[in-house]
Amino acid sequence: MIMKRILTSLLVAAAAALPAAAQVELSASTPAAVFGQSEVARRALSLGEIYSRVSQQMNGGQAINTSAINGNRYLIRWQTPQGQVVDLVVDANTGRILRRT
């Protein structure tokens, strides 16, 4: 009975840790190609270039946090010049904002 509880606790803890382990913190110098060697990923812009293009589209602001999605998109939490925080899905090859929430 005790062994069953311990095993269940370990399985629950491992399942909870999987999504956290899958997320990767990125910096402005991280190339998108780090997340895959596909042709799409090899053409991806650096995060510095992505941030520059997003800043132009958002009329300023700054990145708070960035995660890679499937090697060819980024999820960027962005703070606007007015202080509003938005989540953006950005194409890694063009820097174009695909979705804003």
C-alpha atoms as a PDB file:
ATOM      1  CA  MET A   1       0.000   0.000   0.000  1.00  0.00           C
ATOM      2  CA  ILE A   2       2.759   2.463   0.938  1.00  0.00           C
ATOM      3  CA  MET A   3       4.776   1.435  -2.130  1.00  0.00           C
ATOM      4  CA  LYS A   4       1.756   2.083  -4.341  1.00  0.00           C
ATOM      5  CA  ARG A   5       1.369   5.615  -2.899  1.00  0.00           C
ATOM      6  CA  ILE A   6       5.058   6.361  -3.419  1.00  0.00           C
ATOM      7  CA  LEU A   7       4.944   5.117  -7.008  1.00  0.00           C
ATOM      8  CA  THR A   8       1.807   7.154  -7.726  1.00  0.00           C
ATOM      9  CA  SER A   9       3.413  10.270  -6.223  1.00  0.00           C
ATOM     10  CA  LEU A  10       6.528   9.797  -8.346  1.00  0.00           C
ATOM     11  CA  LEU A  11       4.496   9.351 -11.524  1.00  0.00           C
ATOM     12  CA  VAL A  12       2.449  12.484 -10.810  1.00  0.00           C
ATOM     13  CA  ALA A  13       5.609  14.497 -10.101  1.00  0.00           C
ATOM     14  CA  ALA A  14       7.260  13.248 -13.309  1.00  0.00           C
ATOM     15  CA  ALA A  15       4.191  14.104 -15.386  1.00  0.00           C
ATOM     16  CA  ALA A  16       4.057  17.595 -13.902  1.00  0.00           C
ATOM     17  CA  ALA A  17       7.748  18.184 -14.664  1.00  0.00           C
ATOM     18  CA  LEU A  18       7.513  17.256 -18.363  1.00  0.00           C
ATOM     19  CA  PRO A  19       5.988  20.522 -19.650  1.00  0.00           C
ATOM     20  CA  ALA A  20       8.472  22.569 -17.599  1.00  0.00           C
ATOM     21  CA  ALA A  21      11.403  20.598 -18.983  1.00  0.00           C
ATOM     22  CA  ALA A  22      10.143  21.102 -22.538  1.00  0.00           C
ATOM     23  CA  GLN A  23      10.223  24.906 -22.227  1.00  0.00           C
ATOM     24  CA  VAL A  24      13.500  26.610 -23.044  1.00  0.00           C
ATOM     25  CA  GLU A  25      14.542  30.112 -22.066  1.00  0.00           C
ATOM     26  CA  LEU A  26      16.121  31.955 -24.969  1.00  0.00           C
ATOM     27  CA  SER A  27      18.333  35.003 -25.274  1.00  0.00           C
ATOM     28  CA  ALA A  28      18.575  37.601 -28.039  1.00  0.00           C
ATOM     29  CA  SER A  29      21.630  35.871 -29.529  1.00  0.00           C
ATOM     30  CA  THR A  30      20.072  32.384 -29.717  1.00  0.00           C
ATOM     31  CA  PRO A  31      19.548  31.332 -33.350  1.00  0.00           C
ATOM     32  CA  ALA A  32      16.278  29.532 -34.047  1.00  0.00           C
ATOM     33  CA  ALA A  33      18.227  26.722 -35.746  1.00  0.00           C
ATOM     34  CA  VAL A  34      19.137  25.443 -32.276  1.00  0.00           C
ATOM     35  CA  PHE A  35      15.651  23.910 -32.115  1.00  0.00           C
ATOM     36  CA  GLY A  36      15.893  21.753 -35.216  1.00  0.00           C
ATOM     37  CA  GLN A  37      17.970  21.210 -38.286  1.00  0.00           C
ATOM     38  CA  SER A  38      15.125  21.421 -40.784  1.00  0.00           C
ATOM     39  CA  GLU A  39      15.430  23.726 -43.770  1.00  0.00           C
ATOM     40  CA  VAL A  40      12.903  26.061 -42.158  1.00  0.00           C
ATOM     41  CA  ALA A  41      14.903  26.320 -38.930  1.00  0.00           C
ATOM     42  CA  ARG A  42      18.171  26.994 -40.803  1.00  0.00           C
ATOM     43  CA  ARG A  43      16.591  30.081 -42.406  1.00  0.00           C
ATOM     44  CA  ALA A  44      15.310  31.455 -39.098  1.00  0.00           C
ATOM     45  CA  LEU A  45      16.307  34.900 -37.884  1.00  0.00           C
ATOM     46  CA  SER A  46      18.197  35.499 -34.649  1.00  0.00           C
ATOM     47  CA  LEU A  47      16.124  36.590 -31.673  1.00  0.00           C
ATOM     48  CA  GLY A  48      17.750  40.019 -31.845  1.00  0.00           C
ATOM     49  CA  GLU A  49      16.384  40.465 -35.372  1.00  0.00           C
ATOM     50  CA  ILE A  50      13.016  39.013 -34.323  1.00  0.00           C
ATOM     51  CA  TYR A  51      12.805  41.487 -31.416  1.00  0.00           C
ATOM     52  CA  SER A  52      13.665  44.374 -33.741  1.00  0.00           C
ATOM     53  CA  ARG A  53      10.935  43.409 -36.208  1.00  0.00           C
ATOM     54  CA  VAL A  54       8.368  42.819 -33.466  1.00  0.00           C
ATOM     55  CA  SER A  55       9.230  46.200 -31.944  1.00  0.00           C
ATOM     56  CA  GLN A  56       8.521  47.866 -35.302  1.00  0.00           C
ATOM     57  CA  GLN A  57       5.174  46.075 -35.592  1.00  0.00           C
ATOM     58  CA  MET A  58       4.209  46.876 -31.991  1.00  0.00           C
ATOM     59  CA  ASN A  59       5.421  50.523 -32.119  1.00  0.00           C
ATOM     60  CA  GLY A  60       8.030  49.870 -29.438  1.00  0.00           C
ATOM     61  CA  GLY A  61       8.166  47.851 -26.271  1.00  0.00           C
ATOM     62  CA  GLN A  62      10.352  44.987 -25.135  1.00  0.00           C
ATOM     63  CA  ALA A  63      10.433  41.218 -24.767  1.00  0.00           C
ATOM     64  CA  ILE A  64       9.815  39.842 -21.293  1.00  0.00           C
ATOM     65  CA  ASN A  65      10.110  36.120 -22.053  1.00  0.00           C
ATOM     66  CA  THR A  66      10.567  33.949 -25.142  1.00  0.00           C
ATOM     67  CA  SER A  67      10.006  30.249 -25.852  1.00  0.00           C
ATOM     68  CA  ALA A  68      10.467  28.282 -29.066  1.00  0.00           C
ATOM     69  CA  ILE A  69       7.476  26.549 -30.645  1.00  0.00           C
ATOM     70  CA  ASN A  70       8.168  23.776 -33.197  1.00  0.00           C
ATOM     71  CA  GLY A  71      11.471  25.348 -34.305  1.00  0.00           C
ATOM     72  CA  ASN A  72       9.876  27.840 -36.695  1.00  0.00           C
ATOM     73  CA  ARG A  73       7.771  29.966 -34.330  1.00  0.00           C
ATOM     74  CA  TYR A  74       8.380  31.832 -31.108  1.00  0.00           C
ATOM     75  CA  LEU A  75       6.004  32.568 -28.269  1.00  0.00           C
ATOM     76  CA  ILE A  76       7.051  35.990 -26.999  1.00  0.00           C
ATOM     77  CA  ARG A  77       5.608  37.755 -23.964  1.00  0.00           C
ATOM     78  CA  TRP A  78       5.904  41.430 -24.921  1.00  0.00           C
ATOM     79  CA  GLN A  79       5.446  44.612 -22.891  1.00  0.00           C
ATOM     80  CA  THR A  80       4.132  47.538 -24.914  1.00  0.00           C
ATOM     81  CA  PRO A  81       5.337  51.118 -24.329  1.00  0.00           C
ATOM     82  CA  GLN A  82       2.044  51.684 -22.461  1.00  0.00           C
ATOM     83  CA  GLY A  83       2.889  48.836 -20.050  1.00  0.00           C
ATOM     84  CA  GLN A  84       0.379  46.309 -21.411  1.00  0.00           C
ATOM     85  CA  VAL A  85       1.675  42.708 -21.507  1.00  0.00           C
ATOM     86  CA  VAL A  86       0.672  40.613 -24.531  1.00  0.00           C
ATOM     87  CA  ASP A  87       1.589  37.152 -25.787  1.00  0.00           C
ATOM     88  CA  LEU A  88       2.705  36.989 -29.421  1.00  0.00           C
ATOM     89  CA  VAL A  89       3.263  34.042 -31.739  1.00  0.00           C
ATOM     90  CA  VAL A  90       5.958  35.126 -34.191  1.00  0.00           C
ATOM     91  CA  ASP A  91       7.246  33.464 -37.373  1.00  0.00           C
ATOM     92  CA  ALA A  92      10.957  32.685 -36.834  1.00  0.00           C
ATOM     93  CA  ASN A  93      11.790  33.123 -40.524  1.00  0.00           C
ATOM     94  CA  THR A  94      10.180  36.515 -41.135  1.00  0.00           C
ATOM     95  CA  GLY A  95       9.608  38.081 -37.704  1.00  0.00           C
ATOM     96  CA  ARG A  96       5.956  38.584 -38.611  1.00  0.00           C
ATOM     97  CA  ILE A  97       3.440  38.450 -35.748  1.00  0.00           C
ATOM     98  CA  LEU A  98       1.077  35.552 -36.487  1.00  0.00           C
ATOM     99  CA  ARG A  99      -1.173  35.857 -33.440  1.00  0.00           C
ATOM    100  CA  ARG A 100      -1.595  38.305 -30.594  1.00  0.00           C
ATOM    101  CA  THR A 101      -3.412  37.487 -27.342  1.00  0.00           C
END
